Amino acid sequence: MITTVTWPMLCRDAFGLIWQIAIDQESFLTLSQAERDTRQHYRVCGVKMLGFLKKWFASAGKELTLSSSDVALELDETIDALLDLFKLLAKPMGVGVAEAVAAKVRREAARGEGGTIAFIDVAAPGDEEETFGLAIHVDWKAWGEIEWQANRALRALGSPEPWSRMGGHCDVTAAGVFVELAEWLEPRGLQLVFLDTGGDEYLAFLVSQADADAAFALAADAELSPMTLEQFRIREIS
């Protein structure tokens, strides 16, 4: 999977580095070198730095004293959209789960996380108690991980019918398995929304077709770079 690096992306990465060193030094010092080199990490931090500068210049002449947590919660305009997205996705799971998901998003924001990183931490399957299994997140080679994650999401949505791959094991790709899953979901009133992580991994979430347009719009507002099935197919398979 090829990622095109543009001038705005480089600027955003640079702003992300400035954010970590100048404003959130403690968090920066705890990162491993590999984490510091992660483009997605700086992309998220860059969004925060741009938001900080926007608020700063808009408040010229006024004293502005903010902690890194204040900035993460108040200046990152993507957090509200992310909260609304999780509220929508967790709706079938009940009020208690939806509130717990929202609390997790707020904690991620307080740690300075937003966008794709926060989405993965909250929604992608894992061993942590506070991970809710609302999304599918796999390495580009890990097509075998898609089925159980998809069924976990289906259970979360209250679907009584599990999904099982119909194809064999020859020349299987993660992208192909995602397309097979999406085509299986369609007649059952469900849809996959794919998210561009900027890396060599795949991330998608399940949503009812009735809520799909709203979820797609909220994902865009949260800067998660959503893609439709057709966009995903053209990018990854064609």
C-alpha atoms as a PDB file:
ATOM      1  CA  MET A   1       0.000   0.000   0.000  1.00  0.00           C
ATOM      2  CA  ILE A   2       1.562   3.292  -1.141  1.00  0.00           C
ATOM      3  CA  THR A   3       1.084   6.517   0.805  1.00  0.00           C
ATOM      4  CA  THR A   4       1.592   9.785  -1.075  1.00  0.00           C
ATOM      5  CA  VAL A   5       3.415  12.375   1.014  1.00  0.00           C
ATOM      6  CA  THR A   6       2.311  15.932   0.279  1.00  0.00           C
ATOM      7  CA  TRP A   7       3.670  19.292   1.406  1.00  0.00           C
ATOM      8  CA  PRO A   8       0.727  19.861   3.825  1.00  0.00           C
ATOM      9  CA  MET A   9       1.401  16.444   5.368  1.00  0.00           C
ATOM     10  CA  LEU A  10       5.062  17.335   5.927  1.00  0.00           C
ATOM     11  CA  CYS A  11       4.066  20.646   7.506  1.00  0.00           C
ATOM     12  CA  ARG A  12       1.614  18.876   9.779  1.00  0.00           C
ATOM     13  CA  ASP A  13       4.295  16.358  10.833  1.00  0.00           C
ATOM     14  CA  ALA A  14       6.676  19.224  11.600  1.00  0.00           C
ATOM     15  CA  PHE A  15       4.030  20.957  13.697  1.00  0.00           C
ATOM     16  CA  GLY A  16       3.518  17.643  15.492  1.00  0.00           C
ATOM     17  CA  LEU A  17       7.178  17.521  16.471  1.00  0.00           C
ATOM     18  CA  ILE A  18       7.013  21.132  17.701  1.00  0.00           C
ATOM     19  CA  TRP A  19       3.931  20.273  19.765  1.00  0.00           C
ATOM     20  CA  GLN A  20       5.640  17.347  21.452  1.00  0.00           C
ATOM     21  CA  ILE A  21       8.861  19.188  22.280  1.00  0.00           C
ATOM     22  CA  ALA A  22       7.509  22.645  23.134  1.00  0.00           C
ATOM     23  CA  ILE A  23       4.191  21.911  24.837  1.00  0.00           C
ATOM     24  CA  ASP A  24       4.002  18.253  25.809  1.00  0.00           C
ATOM     25  CA  GLN A  25       7.614  17.516  26.749  1.00  0.00           C
ATOM     26  CA  GLU A  26       6.814  14.854  29.326  1.00  0.00           C
ATOM     27  CA  SER A  27       4.850  12.782  26.836  1.00  0.00           C
ATOM     28  CA  PHE A  28       7.574  13.224  24.215  1.00  0.00           C
ATOM     29  CA  LEU A  29      10.309  11.978  26.547  1.00  0.00           C
ATOM     30  CA  THR A  30       8.386   8.788  27.330  1.00  0.00           C
ATOM     31  CA  LEU A  31       8.124   7.796  23.652  1.00  0.00           C
ATOM     32  CA  SER A  32      10.409   5.180  22.156  1.00  0.00           C
ATOM     33  CA  GLN A  33      12.373   6.142  19.069  1.00  0.00           C
ATOM     34  CA  ALA A  34      10.058   4.010  16.951  1.00  0.00           C
ATOM     35  CA  GLU A  35       7.037   5.851  18.325  1.00  0.00           C
ATOM     36  CA  ARG A  36       8.690   9.207  17.686  1.00  0.00           C
ATOM     37  CA  ASP A  37       9.209   8.161  14.072  1.00  0.00           C
ATOM     38  CA  THR A  38       5.580   7.174  13.559  1.00  0.00           C
ATOM     39  CA  ARG A  39       4.001   9.451  10.965  1.00  0.00           C
ATOM     40  CA  GLN A  40       0.503   8.952  12.356  1.00  0.00           C
ATOM     41  CA  HIS A  41       1.643  10.122  15.809  1.00  0.00           C
ATOM     42  CA  TYR A  42       2.958  13.397  14.417  1.00  0.00           C
ATOM     43  CA  ARG A  43      -0.028  13.824  12.136  1.00  0.00           C
ATOM     44  CA  VAL A  44      -2.303  13.832  15.195  1.00  0.00           C
ATOM     45  CA  CYS A  45       0.033  16.109  17.145  1.00  0.00           C
ATOM     46  CA  GLY A  46       0.268  18.406  14.138  1.00  0.00           C
ATOM     47  CA  VAL A  47      -3.486  18.864  14.114  1.00  0.00           C
ATOM     48  CA  LYS A  48      -3.291  19.910  17.758  1.00  0.00           C
ATOM     49  CA  MET A  49      -0.489  22.389  17.053  1.00  0.00           C
ATOM     50  CA  LEU A  50      -2.425  23.960  14.188  1.00  0.00           C
ATOM     51  CA  GLY A  51      -5.470  24.263  16.421  1.00  0.00           C
ATOM     52  CA  PHE A  52      -3.362  25.849  19.130  1.00  0.00           C
ATOM     53  CA  LEU A  53      -1.938  28.441  16.711  1.00  0.00           C
ATOM     54  CA  LYS A  54      -5.401  29.190  15.335  1.00  0.00           C
ATOM     55  CA  LYS A  55      -6.747  29.854  18.825  1.00  0.00           C
ATOM     56  CA  TRP A  56      -3.635  31.811  19.792  1.00  0.00           C
ATOM     57  CA  PHE A  57      -3.809  34.254  16.881  1.00  0.00           C
ATOM     58  CA  ALA A  58      -7.580  34.586  17.273  1.00  0.00           C
ATOM     59  CA  SER A  59      -6.988  35.625  20.873  1.00  0.00           C
ATOM     60  CA  ALA A  60      -4.339  38.271  20.167  1.00  0.00           C
ATOM     61  CA  GLY A  61      -4.088  40.731  23.019  1.00  0.00           C
ATOM     62  CA  LYS A  62      -5.585  38.309  25.525  1.00  0.00           C
ATOM     63  CA  GLU A  63      -3.651  36.278  28.026  1.00  0.00           C
ATOM     64  CA  LEU A  64      -3.840  32.565  27.170  1.00  0.00           C
ATOM     65  CA  THR A  65      -2.603  30.073  29.749  1.00  0.00           C
ATOM     66  CA  LEU A  66      -3.365  26.457  28.910  1.00  0.00           C
ATOM     67  CA  SER A  67      -2.045  23.127  30.061  1.00  0.00           C
ATOM     68  CA  SER A  68      -1.453  20.401  27.486  1.00  0.00           C
ATOM     69  CA  SER A  69      -4.651  18.702  28.698  1.00  0.00           C
ATOM     70  CA  ASP A  70      -6.611  21.948  28.272  1.00  0.00           C
ATOM     71  CA  VAL A  71      -5.308  22.314  24.728  1.00  0.00           C
ATOM     72  CA  ALA A  72      -6.103  18.706  23.867  1.00  0.00           C
ATOM     73  CA  LEU A  73      -9.652  19.016  25.174  1.00  0.00           C
ATOM     74  CA  GLU A  74     -10.501  22.552  24.071  1.00  0.00           C
ATOM     75  CA  LEU A  75      -8.472  23.281  20.952  1.00  0.00           C
ATOM     76  CA  ASP A  76      -8.673  20.002  19.076  1.00  0.00           C
ATOM     77  CA  GLU A  77     -11.866  20.480  17.101  1.00  0.00           C
ATOM     78  CA  THR A  78     -11.868  16.823  16.116  1.00  0.00           C
ATOM     79  CA  ILE A  79     -12.653  15.558  19.617  1.00  0.00           C
ATOM     80  CA  ASP A  80     -16.314  16.608  19.569  1.00  0.00           C
ATOM     81  CA  ALA A  81     -16.795  14.874  16.223  1.00  0.00           C
ATOM     82  CA  LEU A  82     -15.038  11.770  17.546  1.00  0.00           C
ATOM     83  CA  LEU A  83     -17.286  11.741  20.614  1.00  0.00           C
ATOM     84  CA  ASP A  84     -20.382  12.065  18.432  1.00  0.00           C
ATOM     85  CA  LEU A  85     -19.144   9.272  16.166  1.00  0.00           C
ATOM     86  CA  PHE A  86     -18.628   6.880  19.068  1.00  0.00           C
ATOM     87  CA  LYS A  87     -21.991   7.851  20.524  1.00  0.00           C
ATOM     88  CA  LEU A  88     -23.576   6.881  17.208  1.00  0.00           C
ATOM     89  CA  LEU A  89     -21.640   3.618  16.853  1.00  0.00           C
ATOM     90  CA  ALA A  90     -22.238   2.543  20.455  1.00  0.00           C
ATOM     91  CA  LYS A  91     -25.982   3.262  20.289  1.00  0.00           C
ATOM     92  CA  PRO A  92     -26.967  -0.416  19.816  1.00  0.00           C
ATOM     93  CA  MET A  93     -24.858  -1.359  22.855  1.00  0.00           C
ATOM     94  CA  GLY A  94     -26.903   0.659  25.335  1.00  0.00           C
ATOM     95  CA  VAL A  95     -26.513   3.899  27.256  1.00  0.00           C
ATOM     96  CA  GLY A  96     -24.017   2.496  29.763  1.00  0.00           C
ATOM     97  CA  VAL A  97     -21.575   1.343  27.097  1.00  0.00           C
ATOM     98  CA  ALA A  98     -21.983   4.558  25.111  1.00  0.00           C
ATOM     99  CA  GLU A  99     -21.126   6.605  28.206  1.00  0.00           C
ATOM    100  CA  ALA A 100     -18.107   4.407  28.942  1.00  0.00           C
ATOM    101  CA  VAL A 101     -16.887   4.839  25.358  1.00  0.00           C
ATOM    102  CA  ALA A 102     -17.275   8.624  25.632  1.00  0.00           C
ATOM    103  CA  ALA A 103     -15.331   8.628  28.906  1.00  0.00           C
ATOM    104  CA  LYS A 104     -12.525   6.674  27.232  1.00  0.00           C
ATOM    105  CA  VAL A 105     -12.380   9.185  24.369  1.00  0.00           C
ATOM    106  CA  ARG A 106     -12.110  12.049  26.869  1.00  0.00           C
ATOM    107  CA  ARG A 107      -9.255  10.294  28.674  1.00  0.00           C
ATOM    108  CA  GLU A 108      -7.464   9.783  25.369  1.00  0.00           C
ATOM    109  CA  ALA A 109      -7.942  13.480  24.593  1.00  0.00           C
ATOM    110  CA  ALA A 110      -6.586  14.451  28.012  1.00  0.00           C
ATOM    111  CA  ARG A 111      -3.456  12.438  27.196  1.00  0.00           C
ATOM    112  CA  GLY A 112      -3.103  14.418  23.991  1.00  0.00           C
ATOM    113  CA  GLU A 113      -4.404  11.704  21.677  1.00  0.00           C
ATOM    114  CA  GLY A 114      -6.946  12.347  18.957  1.00  0.00           C
ATOM    115  CA  GLY A 115      -7.956  11.282  15.480  1.00  0.00           C
ATOM    116  CA  THR A 116      -6.971   7.819  14.307  1.00  0.00           C
ATOM    117  CA  ILE A 117      -4.832   7.012  17.344  1.00  0.00           C
ATOM    118  CA  ALA A 118      -7.706   7.656  19.742  1.00  0.00           C
ATOM    119  CA  PHE A 119     -10.126   5.775  17.472  1.00  0.00           C
ATOM    120  CA  ILE A 120      -7.898   2.686  17.452  1.00  0.00           C
ATOM    121  CA  ASP A 121      -7.268   2.837  21.202  1.00  0.00           C
ATOM    122  CA  VAL A 122     -10.989   3.026  21.935  1.00  0.00           C
ATOM    123  CA  ALA A 123     -12.606   0.931  19.214  1.00  0.00           C
ATOM    124  CA  ALA A 124     -10.137  -1.666  17.957  1.00  0.00           C
ATOM    125  CA  PRO A 125     -10.278  -5.138  19.506  1.00  0.00           C
ATOM    126  CA  GLY A 126      -7.694  -5.958  22.144  1.00  0.00           C
ATOM    127  CA  ASP A 127      -7.185  -7.385  25.595  1.00  0.00           C
ATOM    128  CA  GLU A 128      -7.879  -4.193  27.523  1.00  0.00           C
ATOM    129  CA  GLU A 129     -11.137  -4.099  29.451  1.00  0.00           C
ATOM    130  CA  GLU A 130     -12.010  -0.694  28.015  1.00  0.00           C
ATOM    131  CA  THR A 131     -11.652  -1.773  24.389  1.00  0.00           C
ATOM    132  CA  PHE A 132     -15.100  -2.200  22.898  1.00  0.00           C
ATOM    133  CA  GLY A 133     -14.585  -4.020  19.635  1.00  0.00           C
ATOM    134  CA  LEU A 134     -16.494  -1.593  17.441  1.00  0.00           C
ATOM    135  CA  ALA A 135     -13.893  -1.655  14.665  1.00  0.00           C
ATOM    136  CA  ILE A 136     -11.617  -3.973  12.693  1.00  0.00           C
ATOM    137  CA  HIS A 137      -7.907  -3.121  12.766  1.00  0.00           C
ATOM    138  CA  VAL A 138      -5.336  -5.390  11.111  1.00  0.00           C
ATOM    139  CA  ASP A 139      -1.892  -5.307   9.573  1.00  0.00           C
ATOM    140  CA  TRP A 140      -1.955  -5.343   5.780  1.00  0.00           C
ATOM    141  CA  LYS A 141      -0.920  -9.020   5.755  1.00  0.00           C
ATOM    142  CA  ALA A 142      -3.169 -10.190   8.606  1.00  0.00           C
ATOM    143  CA  TRP A 143      -6.260 -11.188   6.627  1.00  0.00           C
ATOM    144  CA  GLY A 144      -6.858 -14.063   9.068  1.00  0.00           C
ATOM    145  CA  GLU A 145      -7.588 -11.563  11.862  1.00  0.00           C
ATOM    146  CA  ILE A 146     -10.532  -9.972  10.073  1.00  0.00           C
ATOM    147  CA  GLU A 147     -13.156 -12.675  10.625  1.00  0.00           C
ATOM    148  CA  TRP A 148     -13.091 -12.810  14.429  1.00  0.00           C
ATOM    149  CA  GLN A 149     -12.896  -9.037  14.733  1.00  0.00           C
ATOM    150  CA  ALA A 150     -15.835  -8.646  12.347  1.00  0.00           C
ATOM    151  CA  ASN A 151     -17.889 -11.111  14.379  1.00  0.00           C
ATOM    152  CA  ARG A 152     -17.016  -9.272  17.576  1.00  0.00           C
ATOM    153  CA  ALA A 153     -18.335  -6.064  16.018  1.00  0.00           C
ATOM    154  CA  LEU A 154     -21.439  -7.888  14.774  1.00  0.00           C
ATOM    155  CA  ARG A 155     -22.152  -9.120  18.293  1.00  0.00           C
ATOM    156  CA  ALA A 156     -21.691  -5.579  19.604  1.00  0.00           C
ATOM    157  CA  LEU A 157     -24.284  -4.399  17.093  1.00  0.00           C
ATOM    158  CA  GLY A 158     -26.692  -7.115  18.190  1.00  0.00           C
ATOM    159  CA  SER A 159     -26.510  -9.107  14.968  1.00  0.00           C
ATOM    160  CA  PRO A 160     -27.509 -12.759  15.539  1.00  0.00           C
ATOM    161  CA  GLU A 161     -25.746 -14.019  12.409  1.00  0.00           C
ATOM    162  CA  PRO A 162     -21.950 -14.492  12.386  1.00  0.00           C
ATOM    163  CA  TRP A 163     -19.879 -14.063   9.254  1.00  0.00           C
ATOM    164  CA  SER A 164     -17.617 -16.747   7.827  1.00  0.00           C
ATOM    165  CA  ARG A 165     -15.325 -16.433   4.837  1.00  0.00           C
ATOM    166  CA  MET A 166     -16.397 -18.422   1.810  1.00  0.00           C
ATOM    167  CA  GLY A 167     -13.113 -18.335  -0.103  1.00  0.00           C
ATOM    168  CA  GLY A 168     -10.030 -20.524   0.143  1.00  0.00           C
ATOM    169  CA  HIS A 169      -6.542 -19.665   1.351  1.00  0.00           C
ATOM    170  CA  CYS A 170      -4.796 -19.167  -1.988  1.00  0.00           C
ATOM    171  CA  ASP A 171      -3.804 -15.644  -2.983  1.00  0.00           C
ATOM    172  CA  VAL A 172      -5.864 -14.157  -0.148  1.00  0.00           C
ATOM    173  CA  THR A 173      -5.322 -10.503   0.739  1.00  0.00           C
ATOM    174  CA  ALA A 174      -6.683  -8.446   3.615  1.00  0.00           C
ATOM    175  CA  ALA A 175      -8.213  -6.002   1.136  1.00  0.00           C
ATOM    176  CA  GLY A 176     -10.008  -8.833  -0.646  1.00  0.00           C
ATOM    177  CA  VAL A 177     -11.377 -10.200   2.632  1.00  0.00           C
ATOM    178  CA  PHE A 178     -12.665  -6.745   3.587  1.00  0.00           C
ATOM    179  CA  VAL A 179     -14.508  -6.489   0.265  1.00  0.00           C
ATOM    180  CA  GLU A 180     -16.010  -9.953   0.785  1.00  0.00           C
ATOM    181  CA  LEU A 181     -17.179  -8.901   4.254  1.00  0.00           C
ATOM    182  CA  ALA A 182     -18.652  -5.635   2.957  1.00  0.00           C
ATOM    183  CA  GLU A 183     -20.619  -7.466   0.271  1.00  0.00           C
ATOM    184  CA  TRP A 184     -21.949  -9.912   2.891  1.00  0.00           C
ATOM    185  CA  LEU A 185     -23.011  -7.051   5.165  1.00  0.00           C
ATOM    186  CA  GLU A 186     -24.931  -5.080   2.526  1.00  0.00           C
ATOM    187  CA  PRO A 187     -28.086  -7.252   2.266  1.00  0.00           C
ATOM    188  CA  ARG A 188     -28.168  -7.404   6.068  1.00  0.00           C
ATOM    189  CA  GLY A 189     -28.542  -3.657   6.453  1.00  0.00           C
ATOM    190  CA  LEU A 190     -24.960  -3.026   7.562  1.00  0.00           C
ATOM    191  CA  GLN A 191     -22.042  -1.218   6.002  1.00  0.00           C
ATOM    192  CA  LEU A 192     -18.278  -0.947   6.386  1.00  0.00           C
ATOM    193  CA  VAL A 193     -16.664   2.479   6.562  1.00  0.00           C
ATOM    194  CA  PHE A 194     -12.925   2.326   5.874  1.00  0.00           C
ATOM    195  CA  LEU A 195     -10.442   4.732   7.464  1.00  0.00           C
ATOM    196  CA  ASP A 196      -7.107   5.749   5.985  1.00  0.00           C
ATOM    197  CA  THR A 197      -4.509   5.416   8.764  1.00  0.00           C
ATOM    198  CA  GLY A 198      -1.648   6.718   6.662  1.00  0.00           C
ATOM    199  CA  GLY A 199       0.258   3.482   7.317  1.00  0.00           C
ATOM    200  CA  ASP A 200       0.468  -0.138   6.168  1.00  0.00           C
ATOM    201  CA  GLU A 201      -2.598  -1.276   8.075  1.00  0.00           C
ATOM    202  CA  TYR A 202      -6.339  -1.465   7.574  1.00  0.00           C
ATOM    203  CA  LEU A 203      -8.987   0.085   9.797  1.00  0.00           C
ATOM    204  CA  ALA A 204     -12.760  -0.036   9.332  1.00  0.00           C
ATOM    205  CA  PHE A 205     -15.899   0.066  11.414  1.00  0.00           C
ATOM    206  CA  LEU A 206     -19.365  -1.431  11.035  1.00  0.00           C
ATOM    207  CA  VAL A 207     -22.458   0.736  11.076  1.00  0.00           C
ATOM    208  CA  SER A 208     -26.097   0.327  10.111  1.00  0.00           C
ATOM    209  CA  GLN A 209     -26.984   1.602   6.647  1.00  0.00           C
ATOM    210  CA  ALA A 210     -29.454   3.993   8.267  1.00  0.00           C
ATOM    211  CA  ASP A 211     -26.611   5.648  10.204  1.00  0.00           C
ATOM    212  CA  ALA A 212     -23.902   5.267   7.548  1.00  0.00           C
ATOM    213  CA  ASP A 213     -24.107   8.783   6.075  1.00  0.00           C
ATOM    214  CA  ALA A 214     -24.011  10.417   9.510  1.00  0.00           C
ATOM    215  CA  ALA A 215     -21.119   8.187  10.592  1.00  0.00           C
ATOM    216  CA  PHE A 216     -19.166   8.979   7.418  1.00  0.00           C
ATOM    217  CA  ALA A 217     -19.644  12.725   7.938  1.00  0.00           C
ATOM    218  CA  LEU A 218     -18.592  12.538  11.590  1.00  0.00           C
ATOM    219  CA  ALA A 219     -15.533  10.463  10.670  1.00  0.00           C
ATOM    220  CA  ALA A 220     -14.556  13.155   8.168  1.00  0.00           C
ATOM    221  CA  ASP A 221     -15.053  15.893  10.784  1.00  0.00           C
ATOM    222  CA  ALA A 222     -12.869  13.882  13.176  1.00  0.00           C
ATOM    223  CA  GLU A 223     -10.156  13.791  10.463  1.00  0.00           C
ATOM    224  CA  LEU A 224     -10.242  10.002  10.210  1.00  0.00           C
ATOM    225  CA  SER A 225     -10.117  10.095   6.382  1.00  0.00           C
ATOM    226  CA  PRO A 226     -13.123   7.820   5.724  1.00  0.00           C
ATOM    227  CA  MET A 227     -13.549   5.871   2.487  1.00  0.00           C
ATOM    228  CA  THR A 228     -16.548   4.172   0.933  1.00  0.00           C
ATOM    229  CA  LEU A 229     -16.344   0.570  -0.239  1.00  0.00           C
ATOM    230  CA  GLU A 230     -15.943   1.726  -3.828  1.00  0.00           C
ATOM    231  CA  GLN A 231     -13.130   4.113  -2.898  1.00  0.00           C
ATOM    232  CA  PHE A 232     -11.437   1.341  -0.924  1.00  0.00           C
ATOM    233  CA  ARG A 233     -11.828  -1.123  -3.793  1.00  0.00           C
ATOM    234  CA  ILE A 234     -10.323   1.290  -6.320  1.00  0.00           C
ATOM    235  CA  ARG A 235      -7.428   2.173  -4.043  1.00  0.00           C
ATOM    236  CA  GLU A 236      -6.522  -1.297  -2.784  1.00  0.00           C
ATOM    237  CA  ILE A 237      -7.607  -3.763  -5.456  1.00  0.00           C
ATOM    238  CA  SER A 238      -8.007  -2.107  -8.863  1.00  0.00           C
END
